[in-house]
Amino acid sequence: MNCSDIQALLCELLDDDTSEARAAEIHEQVAACPHCVSRLQSEREVRAIVRHCCSQEQAPEALRQRIVQRISIRYTETRYR
């Protein structure tokens, strides 16, 4: 396998539904390439950061509404250009 093939397996590896046996197979393939090991570590770190950020306080409702409105306005402007 090449690095591109292994990259596709990283999501499977980090999926909670992946069996232990399948995870071991993927780990074996990843371990054969230092670059892929580094990518796996980076993916784990990013996921940990996202989990941490998503578990914190939610944005105030007024901010959330402004963001939704801006997204809608940009979508509409782009759509009719």
Protein backbone atom coordinates (compact mmCIF):
# COMPACT_ATOMS: atom_id res chain seq x y z
CA MET A 1 0.00 0.00 0.00
CA ASN A 2 1.08 3.56 -0.57
CA CYS A 3 0.52 6.59 1.66
CA SER A 4 -2.66 7.61 -0.19
CA ASP A 5 -4.19 4.19 0.43
CA ILE A 6 -3.25 4.30 4.09
CA GLN A 7 -4.67 7.80 4.49
CA ALA A 8 -8.05 6.40 3.53
CA LEU A 9 -7.69 3.79 6.27
CA LEU A 10 -7.02 6.32 9.02
CA CYS A 11 -10.67 7.30 9.30
CA GLU A 12 -11.62 3.64 9.50
CA LEU A 13 -9.00 3.09 12.18
CA LEU A 14 -10.28 5.98 14.30
CA ASP A 15 -13.92 4.98 13.89
CA ASP A 16 -15.40 3.59 17.10
CA ASP A 17 -17.15 0.85 15.12
CA THR A 18 -13.91 -0.64 13.77
CA SER A 19 -13.22 -4.06 15.28
CA GLU A 20 -10.06 -4.62 17.29
CA ALA A 21 -8.84 -7.13 14.72
CA ARG A 22 -9.32 -4.68 11.85
CA ALA A 23 -7.69 -1.88 13.86
CA ALA A 24 -4.67 -4.13 14.44
CA GLU A 25 -4.41 -4.80 10.69
CA ILE A 26 -4.51 -1.10 9.92
CA HIS A 27 -1.97 -0.30 12.66
CA GLU A 28 0.37 -2.85 11.12
CA GLN A 29 0.11 -1.17 7.72
CA VAL A 30 0.53 2.32 9.16
CA ALA A 31 3.54 1.30 11.27
CA ALA A 32 5.46 0.37 8.11
CA CYS A 33 5.74 4.03 7.09
CA PRO A 34 7.07 6.80 9.39
CA HIS A 35 5.18 9.42 7.35
CA CYS A 36 1.90 7.54 7.86
CA VAL A 37 2.59 7.14 11.59
CA SER A 38 3.02 10.91 11.76
CA ARG A 39 -0.23 11.47 9.86
CA LEU A 40 -2.07 9.14 12.25
CA GLN A 41 -0.72 11.05 15.25
CA SER A 42 -1.74 14.36 13.67
CA GLU A 43 -5.22 13.03 12.95
CA ARG A 44 -5.58 11.90 16.57
CA GLU A 45 -4.45 15.30 17.84
CA VAL A 46 -6.85 17.19 15.57
CA ARG A 47 -9.74 14.97 16.63
CA ALA A 48 -8.86 15.52 20.29
CA ILE A 49 -8.80 19.28 19.78
CA VAL A 50 -12.16 19.22 18.00
CA ARG A 51 -13.69 17.05 20.74
CA HIS A 52 -12.35 19.42 23.37
CA CYS A 53 -13.63 22.51 21.55
CA CYS A 54 -17.03 20.99 20.89
CA SER A 55 -17.52 20.03 24.50
CA GLN A 56 -17.04 23.54 25.82
CA GLU A 57 -19.64 26.27 26.18
CA GLN A 58 -21.89 26.95 23.25
CA ALA A 59 -21.81 30.28 21.48
CA PRO A 60 -24.35 32.83 22.69
CA GLU A 61 -27.60 32.64 20.73
CA ALA A 62 -27.20 36.15 19.30
CA LEU A 63 -23.77 35.25 17.88
CA ARG A 64 -25.09 32.00 16.48
CA GLN A 65 -27.95 33.82 14.73
CA ARG A 66 -25.56 36.40 13.23
CA ILE A 67 -23.35 33.63 11.86
CA VAL A 68 -26.32 31.79 10.37
CA GLN A 69 -27.55 35.03 8.80
CA ARG A 70 -24.12 35.82 7.30
CA ILE A 71 -23.85 32.33 5.86
CA SER A 72 -27.30 32.69 4.32
CA ILE A 73 -26.50 36.10 2.87
CA ARG A 74 -23.23 34.91 1.34
CA TYR A 75 -24.91 31.86 -0.10
CA THR A 76 -27.62 33.98 -1.68
CA GLU A 77 -25.14 36.52 -3.06
CA THR A 78 -22.98 33.79 -4.55
CA ARG A 79 -25.95 31.98 -5.97
CA TYR A 80 -27.25 34.98 -7.97
CA ARG A 81 -23.97 36.36 -9.23
